[in-house]
Amino acid sequence: VLDKLTPGELTGGRFVAGTGSIGPSGAVSAIDGVPFKMIAARDVGATVFLVPAANCAEAAASAPEGLTLVRVD
């Protein structure tokens, strides 16, 4: 949304996707289905995927080729 409403590219032209649950304090919590969400993101062209810190081990073990994982918390 920010890329559409402001000048310049926030992502440097990369297709970024992600998942997680963000609480009122801003903390990112673990979620279910990370492997399936990564596959779906890669299938539509994402090259970067934001992963909750608590899901990093699961994500790293099943990340599709060509998808860079970025830990968030």
PDB file of N, CA and C in Angstrom:
ATOM      1  N   VAL A   1       0.835  -1.183   0.000  1.00  0.00           N
ATOM      2  CA  VAL A   1       0.000   0.000   0.000  1.00  0.00           C
ATOM      3  C   VAL A   1       0.881   1.249   0.000  1.00  0.00           C
ATOM      4  N   LEU A   2       1.936   1.245   0.831  1.00  0.00           N
ATOM      5  CA  LEU A   2       2.819   2.414   0.873  1.00  0.00           C
ATOM      6  C   LEU A   2       3.474   2.666  -0.479  1.00  0.00           C
ATOM      7  N   ASP A   3       3.867   1.605  -1.183  1.00  0.00           N
ATOM      8  CA  ASP A   3       4.481   1.795  -2.498  1.00  0.00           C
ATOM      9  C   ASP A   3       3.511   2.455  -3.474  1.00  0.00           C
ATOM     10  N   LYS A   4       2.243   2.185  -3.341  1.00  0.00           N
ATOM     11  CA  LYS A   4       1.238   2.760  -4.235  1.00  0.00           C
ATOM     12  C   LYS A   4       0.941   4.217  -3.899  1.00  0.00           C
ATOM     13  N   LEU A   5       1.088   4.588  -2.630  1.00  0.00           N
ATOM     14  CA  LEU A   5       0.671   5.913  -2.183  1.00  0.00           C
ATOM     15  C   LEU A   5       1.802   6.920  -2.009  1.00  0.00           C
ATOM     16  N   THR A   6       3.039   6.461  -2.087  1.00  0.00           N
ATOM     17  CA  THR A   6       4.168   7.363  -1.884  1.00  0.00           C
ATOM     18  C   THR A   6       5.159   7.239  -3.037  1.00  0.00           C
ATOM     19  N   PRO A   7       5.953   8.273  -3.274  1.00  0.00           N
ATOM     20  CA  PRO A   7       6.956   8.191  -4.334  1.00  0.00           C
ATOM     21  C   PRO A   7       8.072   7.212  -3.956  1.00  0.00           C
ATOM     22  N   GLY A   8       8.674   6.620  -4.951  1.00  0.00           N
ATOM     23  CA  GLY A   8       9.778   5.692  -4.730  1.00  0.00           C
ATOM     24  C   GLY A   8       9.280   4.291  -4.407  1.00  0.00           C
ATOM     25  N   GLU A   9      10.225   3.379  -4.330  1.00  0.00           N
ATOM     26  CA  GLU A   9       9.891   1.988  -4.049  1.00  0.00           C
ATOM     27  C   GLU A   9      10.400   1.598  -2.673  1.00  0.00           C
ATOM     28  N   LEU A  10       9.513   1.263  -1.785  1.00  0.00           N
ATOM     29  CA  LEU A  10       9.869   0.842  -0.435  1.00  0.00           C
ATOM     30  C   LEU A  10      10.647  -0.474  -0.448  1.00  0.00           C
ATOM     31  N   THR A  11      10.299  -1.364  -1.367  1.00  0.00           N
ATOM     32  CA  THR A  11      10.894  -2.707  -1.408  1.00  0.00           C
ATOM     33  C   THR A  11      12.016  -2.840  -2.418  1.00  0.00           C
ATOM     34  N   GLY A  12      12.386  -1.764  -3.070  1.00  0.00           N
ATOM     35  CA  GLY A  12      13.440  -1.847  -4.076  1.00  0.00           C
ATOM     36  C   GLY A  12      13.040  -2.685  -5.280  1.00  0.00           C
ATOM     37  N   GLY A  13      11.742  -2.806  -5.523  1.00  0.00           N
ATOM     38  CA  GLY A  13      11.253  -3.562  -6.664  1.00  0.00           C
ATOM     39  C   GLY A  13      11.059  -5.045  -6.388  1.00  0.00           C
ATOM     40  N   ARG A  14      11.374  -5.489  -5.186  1.00  0.00           N
ATOM     41  CA  ARG A  14      11.202  -6.906  -4.840  1.00  0.00           C
ATOM     42  C   ARG A  14       9.757  -7.184  -4.461  1.00  0.00           C
ATOM     43  N   PHE A  15       9.307  -8.405  -4.708  1.00  0.00           N
ATOM     44  CA  PHE A  15       7.967  -8.860  -4.338  1.00  0.00           C
ATOM     45  C   PHE A  15       8.102  -9.503  -2.964  1.00  0.00           C
ATOM     46  N   VAL A  16       7.570  -8.821  -1.941  1.00  0.00           N
ATOM     47  CA  VAL A  16       7.680  -9.278  -0.560  1.00  0.00           C
ATOM     48  C   VAL A  16       6.320  -9.784  -0.086  1.00  0.00           C
ATOM     49  N   ALA A  17       6.315 -10.969   0.516  1.00  0.00           N
ATOM     50  CA  ALA A  17       5.113 -11.533   1.125  1.00  0.00           C
ATOM     51  C   ALA A  17       5.465 -11.885   2.564  1.00  0.00           C
ATOM     52  N   GLY A  18       4.492 -12.239   3.346  1.00  0.00           N
ATOM     53  CA  GLY A  18       4.776 -12.623   4.722  1.00  0.00           C
ATOM     54  C   GLY A  18       3.551 -13.134   5.422  1.00  0.00           C
ATOM     55  N   THR A  19       3.763 -13.573   6.644  1.00  0.00           N
ATOM     56  CA  THR A  19       2.674 -14.092   7.452  1.00  0.00           C
ATOM     57  C   THR A  19       2.998 -13.868   8.912  1.00  0.00           C
ATOM     58  N   GLY A  20       2.013 -14.012   9.750  1.00  0.00           N
ATOM     59  CA  GLY A  20       2.197 -13.852  11.184  1.00  0.00           C
ATOM     60  C   GLY A  20       0.991 -13.178  11.795  1.00  0.00           C
ATOM     61  N   SER A  21       1.027 -13.064  13.080  1.00  0.00           N
ATOM     62  CA  SER A  21      -0.025 -12.405  13.838  1.00  0.00           C
ATOM     63  C   SER A  21       0.628 -11.260  14.598  1.00  0.00           C
ATOM     64  N   ILE A  22       0.102 -10.051  14.445  1.00  0.00           N
ATOM     65  CA  ILE A  22       0.673  -8.890  15.123  1.00  0.00           C
ATOM     66  C   ILE A  22      -0.277  -8.461  16.239  1.00  0.00           C
ATOM     67  N   GLY A  23       0.223  -8.479  17.482  1.00  0.00           N
ATOM     68  CA  GLY A  23      -0.581  -8.102  18.642  1.00  0.00           C
ATOM     69  C   GLY A  23      -0.617  -6.602  18.835  1.00  0.00           C
ATOM     70  N   PRO A  24      -1.444  -6.126  19.759  1.00  0.00           N
ATOM     71  CA  PRO A  24      -1.581  -4.686  20.017  1.00  0.00           C
ATOM     72  C   PRO A  24      -0.260  -4.005  20.371  1.00  0.00           C
ATOM     73  N   SER A  25       0.661  -4.747  20.984  1.00  0.00           N
ATOM     74  CA  SER A  25       1.951  -4.160  21.352  1.00  0.00           C
ATOM     75  C   SER A  25       2.924  -4.119  20.180  1.00  0.00           C
ATOM     76  N   GLY A  26       2.557  -4.756  19.067  1.00  0.00           N
ATOM     77  CA  GLY A  26       3.427  -4.813  17.902  1.00  0.00           C
ATOM     78  C   GLY A  26       4.239  -6.091  17.822  1.00  0.00           C
ATOM     79  N   ALA A  27       4.127  -6.958  18.822  1.00  0.00           N
ATOM     80  CA  ALA A  27       4.854  -8.230  18.809  1.00  0.00           C
ATOM     81  C   ALA A  27       4.261  -9.169  17.763  1.00  0.00           C
ATOM     82  N   VAL A  28       5.134  -9.863  17.050  1.00  0.00           N
ATOM     83  CA  VAL A  28       4.716 -10.826  16.032  1.00  0.00           C
ATOM     84  C   VAL A  28       4.718 -12.213  16.657  1.00  0.00           C
ATOM     85  N   SER A  29       3.612 -12.928  16.498  1.00  0.00           N
ATOM     86  CA  SER A  29       3.464 -14.264  17.078  1.00  0.00           C
ATOM     87  C   SER A  29       3.478 -15.330  15.995  1.00  0.00           C
ATOM     88  N   ALA A  30       3.759 -16.550  16.408  1.00  0.00           N
ATOM     89  CA  ALA A  30       3.770 -17.705  15.511  1.00  0.00           C
ATOM     90  C   ALA A  30       2.380 -17.966  14.945  1.00  0.00           C
ATOM     91  N   ILE A  31       2.364 -18.614  13.803  1.00  0.00           N
ATOM     92  CA  ILE A  31       1.110 -19.006  13.156  1.00  0.00           C
ATOM     93  C   ILE A  31       1.256 -20.423  12.623  1.00  0.00           C
ATOM     94  N   ASP A  32       0.169 -21.003  12.168  1.00  0.00           N
ATOM     95  CA  ASP A  32       0.175 -22.338  11.570  1.00  0.00           C
ATOM     96  C   ASP A  32       0.255 -22.231  10.052  1.00  0.00           C
ATOM     97  N   GLY A  33       0.704 -23.290   9.411  1.00  0.00           N
ATOM     98  CA  GLY A  33       0.670 -23.388   7.954  1.00  0.00           C
ATOM     99  C   GLY A  33       1.763 -22.654   7.208  1.00  0.00           C
ATOM    100  N   VAL A  34       2.870 -22.360   7.857  1.00  0.00           N
ATOM    101  CA  VAL A  34       3.949 -21.600   7.215  1.00  0.00           C
ATOM    102  C   VAL A  34       4.426 -22.254   5.910  1.00  0.00           C
ATOM    103  N   PRO A  35       4.674 -23.559   5.867  1.00  0.00           N
ATOM    104  CA  PRO A  35       5.148 -24.152   4.601  1.00  0.00           C
ATOM    105  C   PRO A  35       4.189 -23.917   3.432  1.00  0.00           C
ATOM    106  N   PHE A  36       2.898 -24.026   3.688  1.00  0.00           N
ATOM    107  CA  PHE A  36       1.909 -23.831   2.624  1.00  0.00           C
ATOM    108  C   PHE A  36       1.852 -22.379   2.176  1.00  0.00           C
ATOM    109  N   LYS A  37       1.998 -21.461   3.123  1.00  0.00           N
ATOM    110  CA  LYS A  37       1.971 -20.039   2.794  1.00  0.00           C
ATOM    111  C   LYS A  37       3.207 -19.635   1.995  1.00  0.00           C
ATOM    112  N   MET A  38       4.357 -20.232   2.304  1.00  0.00           N
ATOM    113  CA  MET A  38       5.570 -19.933   1.536  1.00  0.00           C
ATOM    114  C   MET A  38       5.440 -20.429   0.104  1.00  0.00           C
ATOM    115  N   ILE A  39       4.906 -21.615  -0.072  1.00  0.00           N
ATOM    116  CA  ILE A  39       4.718 -22.156  -1.423  1.00  0.00           C
ATOM    117  C   ILE A  39       3.772 -21.270  -2.222  1.00  0.00           C
ATOM    118  N   ALA A  40       2.663 -20.874  -1.610  1.00  0.00           N
ATOM    119  CA  ALA A  40       1.701 -20.008  -2.301  1.00  0.00           C
ATOM    120  C   ALA A  40       2.331 -18.670  -2.668  1.00  0.00           C
ATOM    121  N   ALA A  41       3.120 -18.105  -1.757  1.00  0.00           N
ATOM    122  CA  ALA A  41       3.784 -16.829  -2.031  1.00  0.00           C
ATOM    123  C   ALA A  41       4.756 -16.967  -3.195  1.00  0.00           C
ATOM    124  N   ARG A  42       5.548 -18.011  -3.192  1.00  0.00           N
ATOM    125  CA  ARG A  42       6.520 -18.231  -4.273  1.00  0.00           C
ATOM    126  C   ARG A  42       5.802 -18.468  -5.602  1.00  0.00           C
ATOM    127  N   ASP A  43       4.686 -19.188  -5.563  1.00  0.00           N
ATOM    128  CA  ASP A  43       3.922 -19.475  -6.780  1.00  0.00           C
ATOM    129  C   ASP A  43       3.387 -18.216  -7.455  1.00  0.00           C
ATOM    130  N   VAL A  44       3.136 -17.155  -6.675  1.00  0.00           N
ATOM    131  CA  VAL A  44       2.648 -15.910  -7.272  1.00  0.00           C
ATOM    132  C   VAL A  44       3.760 -14.899  -7.518  1.00  0.00           C
ATOM    133  N   GLY A  45       5.025 -15.312  -7.286  1.00  0.00           N
ATOM    134  CA  GLY A  45       6.150 -14.468  -7.654  1.00  0.00           C
ATOM    135  C   GLY A  45       6.930 -13.824  -6.538  1.00  0.00           C
ATOM    136  N   ALA A  46       6.589 -14.079  -5.281  1.00  0.00           N
ATOM    137  CA  ALA A  46       7.347 -13.490  -4.175  1.00  0.00           C
ATOM    138  C   ALA A  46       8.771 -14.031  -4.162  1.00  0.00           C
ATOM    139  N   THR A  47       9.712 -13.167  -3.814  1.00  0.00           N
ATOM    140  CA  THR A  47      11.115 -13.572  -3.685  1.00  0.00           C
ATOM    141  C   THR A  47      11.624 -13.393  -2.265  1.00  0.00           C
ATOM    142  N   VAL A  48      10.860 -12.668  -1.444  1.00  0.00           N
ATOM    143  CA  VAL A  48      11.199 -12.428  -0.040  1.00  0.00           C
ATOM    144  C   VAL A  48       9.958 -12.763   0.786  1.00  0.00           C
ATOM    145  N   PHE A  49      10.168 -13.455   1.914  1.00  0.00           N
ATOM    146  CA  PHE A  49       9.037 -13.859   2.759  1.00  0.00           C
ATOM    147  C   PHE A  49       9.348 -13.529   4.209  1.00  0.00           C
ATOM    148  N   LEU A  50       8.475 -12.762   4.855  1.00  0.00           N
ATOM    149  CA  LEU A  50       8.630 -12.389   6.257  1.00  0.00           C
ATOM    150  C   LEU A  50       8.064 -13.500   7.136  1.00  0.00           C
ATOM    151  N   VAL A  51       8.884 -14.007   8.070  1.00  0.00           N
ATOM    152  CA  VAL A  51       8.525 -15.156   8.897  1.00  0.00           C
ATOM    153  C   VAL A  51       8.596 -14.781  10.377  1.00  0.00           C
ATOM    154  N   PRO A  52       7.551 -15.092  11.165  1.00  0.00           N
ATOM    155  CA  PRO A  52       7.645 -14.867  12.602  1.00  0.00           C
ATOM    156  C   PRO A  52       8.845 -15.617  13.183  1.00  0.00           C
ATOM    157  N   ALA A  53       9.540 -15.011  14.132  1.00  0.00           N
ATOM    158  CA  ALA A  53      10.733 -15.625  14.722  1.00  0.00           C
ATOM    159  C   ALA A  53      10.453 -17.035  15.228  1.00  0.00           C
ATOM    160  N   ALA A  54       9.292 -17.240  15.829  1.00  0.00           N
ATOM    161  CA  ALA A  54       8.955 -18.551  16.390  1.00  0.00           C
ATOM    162  C   ALA A  54       8.738 -19.619  15.310  1.00  0.00           C
ATOM    163  N   ASN A  55       8.586 -19.215  14.053  1.00  0.00           N
ATOM    164  CA  ASN A  55       8.383 -20.168  12.960  1.00  0.00           C
ATOM    165  C   ASN A  55       9.630 -20.358  12.099  1.00  0.00           C
ATOM    166  N   CYS A  56      10.745 -19.725  12.465  1.00  0.00           N
ATOM    167  CA  CYS A  56      11.929 -19.740  11.611  1.00  0.00           C
ATOM    168  C   CYS A  56      12.487 -21.138  11.341  1.00  0.00           C
ATOM    169  N   ALA A  57      12.565 -21.985  12.339  1.00  0.00           N
ATOM    170  CA  ALA A  57      13.116 -23.330  12.125  1.00  0.00           C
ATOM    171  C   ALA A  57      12.261 -24.106  11.133  1.00  0.00           C
ATOM    172  N   GLU A  58      10.946 -24.051  11.314  1.00  0.00           N
ATOM    173  CA  GLU A  58      10.027 -24.736  10.402  1.00  0.00           C
ATOM    174  C   GLU A  58      10.148 -24.159   8.989  1.00  0.00           C
ATOM    175  N   ALA A  59      10.229 -22.846   8.875  1.00  0.00           N
ATOM    176  CA  ALA A  59      10.320 -22.196   7.575  1.00  0.00           C
ATOM    177  C   ALA A  59      11.626 -22.551   6.869  1.00  0.00           C
ATOM    178  N   ALA A  60      12.724 -22.512   7.599  1.00  0.00           N
ATOM    179  CA  ALA A  60      14.028 -22.818   7.000  1.00  0.00           C
ATOM    180  C   ALA A  60      14.088 -24.252   6.495  1.00  0.00           C
ATOM    181  N   ALA A  61      13.407 -25.155   7.165  1.00  0.00           N
ATOM    182  CA  ALA A  61      13.422 -26.567   6.780  1.00  0.00           C
ATOM    183  C   ALA A  61      12.585 -26.849   5.536  1.00  0.00           C
ATOM    184  N   SER A  62      11.700 -25.920   5.169  1.00  0.00           N
ATOM    185  CA  SER A  62      10.807 -26.208   4.050  1.00  0.00           C
ATOM    186  C   SER A  62      10.669 -25.070   3.048  1.00  0.00           C
ATOM    187  N   ALA A  63      11.588 -24.121   3.071  1.00  0.00           N
ATOM    188  CA  ALA A  63      11.494 -22.973   2.162  1.00  0.00           C
ATOM    189  C   ALA A  63      11.686 -23.401   0.712  1.00  0.00           C
ATOM    190  N   PRO A  64      10.798 -22.949  -0.172  1.00  0.00           N
ATOM    191  CA  PRO A  64      10.979 -23.254  -1.585  1.00  0.00           C
ATOM    192  C   PRO A  64      12.196 -22.529  -2.154  1.00  0.00           C
ATOM    193  N   GLU A  65      12.790 -23.095  -3.165  1.00  0.00           N
ATOM    194  CA  GLU A  65      13.944 -22.483  -3.823  1.00  0.00           C
ATOM    195  C   GLU A  65      13.575 -21.108  -4.346  1.00  0.00           C
ATOM    196  N   GLY A  66      14.489 -20.166  -4.173  1.00  0.00           N
ATOM    197  CA  GLY A  66      14.284 -18.817  -4.692  1.00  0.00           C
ATOM    198  C   GLY A  66      13.541 -17.888  -3.755  1.00  0.00           C
ATOM    199  N   LEU A  67      13.218 -18.349  -2.557  1.00  0.00           N
ATOM    200  CA  LEU A  67      12.503 -17.520  -1.589  1.00  0.00           C
ATOM    201  C   LEU A  67      13.440 -17.207  -0.425  1.00  0.00           C
ATOM    202  N   THR A  68      13.761 -15.934  -0.245  1.00  0.00           N
ATOM    203  CA  THR A  68      14.619 -15.494   0.850  1.00  0.00           C
ATOM    204  C   THR A  68      13.745 -15.250   2.082  1.00  0.00           C
ATOM    205  N   LEU A  69      14.124 -15.850   3.199  1.00  0.00           N
ATOM    206  CA  LEU A  69      13.362 -15.694   4.430  1.00  0.00           C
ATOM    207  C   LEU A  69      13.942 -14.577   5.279  1.00  0.00           C
ATOM    208  N   VAL A  70      13.047 -13.781   5.881  1.00  0.00           N
ATOM    209  CA  VAL A  70      13.443 -12.687   6.766  1.00  0.00           C
ATOM    210  C   VAL A  70      12.697 -12.850   8.087  1.00  0.00           C
ATOM    211  N   ARG A  71      13.445 -12.968   9.163  1.00  0.00           N
ATOM    212  CA  ARG A  71      12.873 -13.147  10.504  1.00  0.00           C
ATOM    213  C   ARG A  71      12.277 -11.819  11.011  1.00  0.00           C
ATOM    214  N   VAL A  72      11.071 -11.887  11.557  1.00  0.00           N
ATOM    215  CA  VAL A  72      10.439 -10.709  12.165  1.00  0.00           C
ATOM    216  C   VAL A  72       9.931 -11.074  13.553  1.00  0.00           C
ATOM    217  N   ASP A  73       9.954 -10.118  14.464  1.00  0.00           N
ATOM    218  CA  ASP A  73       9.405 -10.343  15.808  1.00  0.00           C
ATOM    219  C   ASP A  73       9.007  -9.073  16.467  1.00  0.00           C
TER     220      ASP A  73
END
